Amino acid sequence: MVVSRKHALIGGIAAIASVIALQAFNSVGCYDHTLSTFVAVLGTFLMVPLLPAFVSLFTANPLRAVGACVLFAPWLVFAYYTDCVRPYQGGGASMIYVAVLLWGTPCAIIGALLTGPVMRLFGVSVAPRR
C-alpha cells in the first residue's frame, strides 16, 4: 500500500498535535498552568523529545513522526499519573518531567527509527516527493 506524501505529512502533523494536546491536558487538568506557563513547558520539556518527530516530517517518510510520538506519549501519561493520580508519597517537588525529557527523547528517536522498517514489514510505503 502506498500512502500519498500529503496524507503522510498530515498524519505526522496530527501525531505531533496529539502529543501537544496531551501536554495541554496535563497542564490544565493537573498543574493549573496559564498560557504562558504552558508555552514555557512546551519549549522546555517537550521540544527536545519532539525534535525527532519534527525532523521526520522533512524526511522521505514523514510517518516516522507518528512512531516518534507513539513512543513518547506514554511518558506524558506517566507524568500525569505520577503527579495527579497516584497518592502523594512525600519527599519534595516532583521531578517527573526530568524523566520525561531524559527517557522520552531516546524513546522518540527509537520510534522514529523503527517506523520505517515496521512499515516495510507490513508493505506500507510513502509516495516519493514530486
C-alpha atoms as a PDB file:
ATOM      1  CA  MET A   1       0.000   0.000   0.000  1.00  0.00           C
ATOM      2  CA  VAL A   2       1.362   3.410  -0.960  1.00  0.00           C
ATOM      3  CA  VAL A   3       0.414   6.390   1.204  1.00  0.00           C
ATOM      4  CA  SER A   4       0.487   9.757  -0.518  1.00  0.00           C
ATOM      5  CA  ARG A   5       3.056  12.206   0.767  1.00  0.00           C
ATOM      6  CA  LYS A   6       0.308  14.691   1.630  1.00  0.00           C
ATOM      7  CA  HIS A   7      -1.513  12.150   3.808  1.00  0.00           C
ATOM      8  CA  ALA A   8       1.753  11.077   5.432  1.00  0.00           C
ATOM      9  CA  LEU A   9       2.523  14.707   6.327  1.00  0.00           C
ATOM     10  CA  ILE A  10      -0.978  15.168   7.716  1.00  0.00           C
ATOM     11  CA  GLY A  11      -0.543  12.015   9.805  1.00  0.00           C
ATOM     12  CA  GLY A  12       2.808  13.205  11.169  1.00  0.00           C
ATOM     13  CA  ILE A  13       1.483  16.661  11.986  1.00  0.00           C
ATOM     14  CA  ALA A  14      -1.591  15.135  13.639  1.00  0.00           C
ATOM     15  CA  ALA A  15       0.635  12.928  15.808  1.00  0.00           C
ATOM     16  CA  ILE A  16       2.668  15.935  16.944  1.00  0.00           C
ATOM     17  CA  ALA A  17      -0.521  17.904  17.599  1.00  0.00           C
ATOM     18  CA  SER A  18      -1.862  14.985  19.653  1.00  0.00           C
ATOM     19  CA  VAL A  19       1.220  14.987  21.874  1.00  0.00           C
ATOM     20  CA  ILE A  20       0.910  18.757  22.349  1.00  0.00           C
ATOM     21  CA  ALA A  21      -2.784  18.287  23.193  1.00  0.00           C
ATOM     22  CA  LEU A  22      -1.843  15.608  25.719  1.00  0.00           C
ATOM     23  CA  GLN A  23       0.551  18.043  27.370  1.00  0.00           C
ATOM     24  CA  ALA A  24      -2.160  20.727  27.292  1.00  0.00           C
ATOM     25  CA  PHE A  25      -4.431  18.309  29.158  1.00  0.00           C
ATOM     26  CA  ASN A  26      -1.679  17.725  31.731  1.00  0.00           C
ATOM     27  CA  SER A  27      -1.030  21.450  32.088  1.00  0.00           C
ATOM     28  CA  VAL A  28      -4.672  22.439  32.525  1.00  0.00           C
ATOM     29  CA  GLY A  29      -6.025  19.361  34.282  1.00  0.00           C
ATOM     30  CA  CYS A  30      -3.274  18.832  36.779  1.00  0.00           C
ATOM     31  CA  TYR A  31      -0.946  21.784  37.105  1.00  0.00           C
ATOM     32  CA  ASP A  32      -3.334  24.738  36.545  1.00  0.00           C
ATOM     33  CA  HIS A  33      -0.863  26.354  34.130  1.00  0.00           C
ATOM     34  CA  THR A  34      -1.547  29.646  32.424  1.00  0.00           C
ATOM     35  CA  LEU A  35      -0.988  30.006  28.684  1.00  0.00           C
ATOM     36  CA  SER A  36       2.482  31.467  29.196  1.00  0.00           C
ATOM     37  CA  THR A  37       3.456  28.626  31.553  1.00  0.00           C
ATOM     38  CA  PHE A  38       2.106  26.058  29.093  1.00  0.00           C
ATOM     39  CA  VAL A  39       4.214  27.573  26.294  1.00  0.00           C
ATOM     40  CA  ALA A  40       7.261  27.568  28.585  1.00  0.00           C
ATOM     41  CA  VAL A  41       6.713  23.879  29.367  1.00  0.00           C
ATOM     42  CA  LEU A  42       6.405  23.148  25.642  1.00  0.00           C
ATOM     43  CA  GLY A  43       9.707  24.881  24.984  1.00  0.00           C
ATOM     44  CA  THR A  44      11.486  23.371  27.962  1.00  0.00           C
ATOM     45  CA  PHE A  45      10.300  19.799  28.297  1.00  0.00           C
ATOM     46  CA  LEU A  46       8.582  18.913  25.026  1.00  0.00           C
ATOM     47  CA  MET A  47      10.559  20.407  22.171  1.00  0.00           C
ATOM     48  CA  VAL A  48      13.649  18.257  22.705  1.00  0.00           C
ATOM     49  CA  PRO A  49      11.732  14.945  22.771  1.00  0.00           C
ATOM     50  CA  LEU A  50       9.564  16.119  19.853  1.00  0.00           C
ATOM     51  CA  LEU A  51      12.589  17.101  17.769  1.00  0.00           C
ATOM     52  CA  PRO A  52      12.829  13.631  16.132  1.00  0.00           C
ATOM     53  CA  ALA A  53       9.176  13.933  15.109  1.00  0.00           C
ATOM     54  CA  PHE A  54       9.684  17.413  13.634  1.00  0.00           C
ATOM     55  CA  VAL A  55      12.790  16.269  11.746  1.00  0.00           C
ATOM     56  CA  SER A  56      10.900  13.219  10.465  1.00  0.00           C
ATOM     57  CA  LEU A  57       8.396  15.476   8.721  1.00  0.00           C
ATOM     58  CA  PHE A  58      11.144  16.549   6.323  1.00  0.00           C
ATOM     59  CA  THR A  59      12.448  13.069   5.512  1.00  0.00           C
ATOM     60  CA  ALA A  60      11.339  10.667   2.792  1.00  0.00           C
ATOM     61  CA  ASN A  61       8.931   9.062   5.274  1.00  0.00           C
ATOM     62  CA  PRO A  62       7.004  11.668   7.309  1.00  0.00           C
ATOM     63  CA  LEU A  63       5.117   8.868   9.069  1.00  0.00           C
ATOM     64  CA  ARG A  64       8.216   8.380  11.188  1.00  0.00           C
ATOM     65  CA  ALA A  65       6.845  11.301  13.216  1.00  0.00           C
ATOM     66  CA  VAL A  66       3.938   9.058  14.210  1.00  0.00           C
ATOM     67  CA  GLY A  67       6.346   6.437  15.543  1.00  0.00           C
ATOM     68  CA  ALA A  68       8.273   9.054  17.490  1.00  0.00           C
ATOM     69  CA  CYS A  69       5.073  10.386  19.057  1.00  0.00           C
ATOM     70  CA  VAL A  70       3.681   6.928  19.824  1.00  0.00           C
ATOM     71  CA  LEU A  71       6.735   6.027  21.885  1.00  0.00           C
ATOM     72  CA  PHE A  72       6.971   9.447  23.536  1.00  0.00           C
ATOM     73  CA  ALA A  73       3.310   9.897  24.565  1.00  0.00           C
ATOM     74  CA  PRO A  74       3.358   7.205  27.313  1.00  0.00           C
ATOM     75  CA  TRP A  75       5.892   9.327  29.191  1.00  0.00           C
ATOM     76  CA  LEU A  76       3.380  12.171  29.354  1.00  0.00           C
ATOM     77  CA  VAL A  77       0.717   9.756  30.580  1.00  0.00           C
ATOM     78  CA  PHE A  78       3.183   8.514  33.194  1.00  0.00           C
ATOM     79  CA  ALA A  79       3.867  12.115  34.273  1.00  0.00           C
ATOM     80  CA  TYR A  80       0.138  12.734  34.663  1.00  0.00           C
ATOM     81  CA  TYR A  81      -0.261   9.539  36.673  1.00  0.00           C
ATOM     82  CA  THR A  82       2.719  10.344  38.892  1.00  0.00           C
ATOM     83  CA  ASP A  83       1.711  13.907  39.716  1.00  0.00           C
ATOM     84  CA  CYS A  84      -2.077  13.813  39.554  1.00  0.00           C
ATOM     85  CA  VAL A  85      -3.431  10.309  40.129  1.00  0.00           C
ATOM     86  CA  ARG A  86      -1.068   8.465  42.432  1.00  0.00           C
ATOM     87  CA  PRO A  87      -1.295   9.481  46.085  1.00  0.00           C
ATOM     88  CA  TYR A  88       1.469  11.828  47.208  1.00  0.00           C
ATOM     89  CA  GLN A  89       4.438   9.878  48.524  1.00  0.00           C
ATOM     90  CA  GLY A  90       6.165  12.815  50.199  1.00  0.00           C
ATOM     91  CA  GLY A  91       9.722  13.892  49.626  1.00  0.00           C
ATOM     92  CA  GLY A  92       9.560  17.283  47.953  1.00  0.00           C
ATOM     93  CA  ALA A  93       8.964  18.564  44.466  1.00  0.00           C
ATOM     94  CA  SER A  94       8.128  16.285  41.600  1.00  0.00           C
ATOM     95  CA  MET A  95      10.921  15.588  39.130  1.00  0.00           C
ATOM     96  CA  ILE A  96       8.871  13.515  36.697  1.00  0.00           C
ATOM     97  CA  TYR A  97       9.362  15.903  33.784  1.00  0.00           C
ATOM     98  CA  VAL A  98      13.101  15.348  34.050  1.00  0.00           C
ATOM     99  CA  ALA A  99      12.344  11.682  33.372  1.00  0.00           C
ATOM    100  CA  VAL A 100      10.043  12.738  30.501  1.00  0.00           C
ATOM    101  CA  LEU A 101      12.929  14.687  28.999  1.00  0.00           C
ATOM    102  CA  LEU A 102      15.685  12.153  29.668  1.00  0.00           C
ATOM    103  CA  TRP A 103      13.789   8.967  28.798  1.00  0.00           C
ATOM    104  CA  GLY A 104      11.222  10.326  26.372  1.00  0.00           C
ATOM    105  CA  THR A 105      13.857  11.656  23.986  1.00  0.00           C
ATOM    106  CA  PRO A 106      15.559   8.282  23.338  1.00  0.00           C
ATOM    107  CA  CYS A 107      12.145   6.641  23.051  1.00  0.00           C
ATOM    108  CA  ALA A 108      11.120   9.193  20.411  1.00  0.00           C
ATOM    109  CA  ILE A 109      14.350   8.609  18.491  1.00  0.00           C
ATOM    110  CA  ILE A 110      13.846   4.843  18.609  1.00  0.00           C
ATOM    111  CA  GLY A 111      10.225   5.266  17.488  1.00  0.00           C
ATOM    112  CA  ALA A 112      11.273   7.396  14.532  1.00  0.00           C
ATOM    113  CA  LEU A 113      13.995   4.952  13.529  1.00  0.00           C
ATOM    114  CA  LEU A 114      11.844   1.822  13.850  1.00  0.00           C
ATOM    115  CA  THR A 115       8.818   3.159  11.978  1.00  0.00           C
ATOM    116  CA  GLY A 116      10.415   2.741   8.548  1.00  0.00           C
ATOM    117  CA  PRO A 117      11.342  -0.946   8.936  1.00  0.00           C
ATOM    118  CA  VAL A 118       7.983  -1.751  10.553  1.00  0.00           C
ATOM    119  CA  MET A 119       6.160  -0.054   7.678  1.00  0.00           C
ATOM    120  CA  ARG A 120       8.224  -2.044   5.152  1.00  0.00           C
ATOM    121  CA  LEU A 121       7.411  -5.221   7.069  1.00  0.00           C
ATOM    122  CA  PHE A 122       3.703  -4.528   6.578  1.00  0.00           C
ATOM    123  CA  GLY A 123       4.130  -3.417   2.976  1.00  0.00           C
ATOM    124  CA  VAL A 124       3.343   0.255   3.537  1.00  0.00           C
ATOM    125  CA  SER A 125       5.366   2.952   1.790  1.00  0.00           C
ATOM    126  CA  VAL A 126       5.133   6.695   1.249  1.00  0.00           C
ATOM    127  CA  ALA A 127       4.977   8.107  -2.259  1.00  0.00           C
ATOM    128  CA  PRO A 128       8.158   9.953  -3.246  1.00  0.00           C
ATOM    129  CA  ARG A 129       8.375  13.730  -3.472  1.00  0.00           C
ATOM    130  CA  ARG A 130       7.455  15.269  -6.782  1.00  0.00           C
END
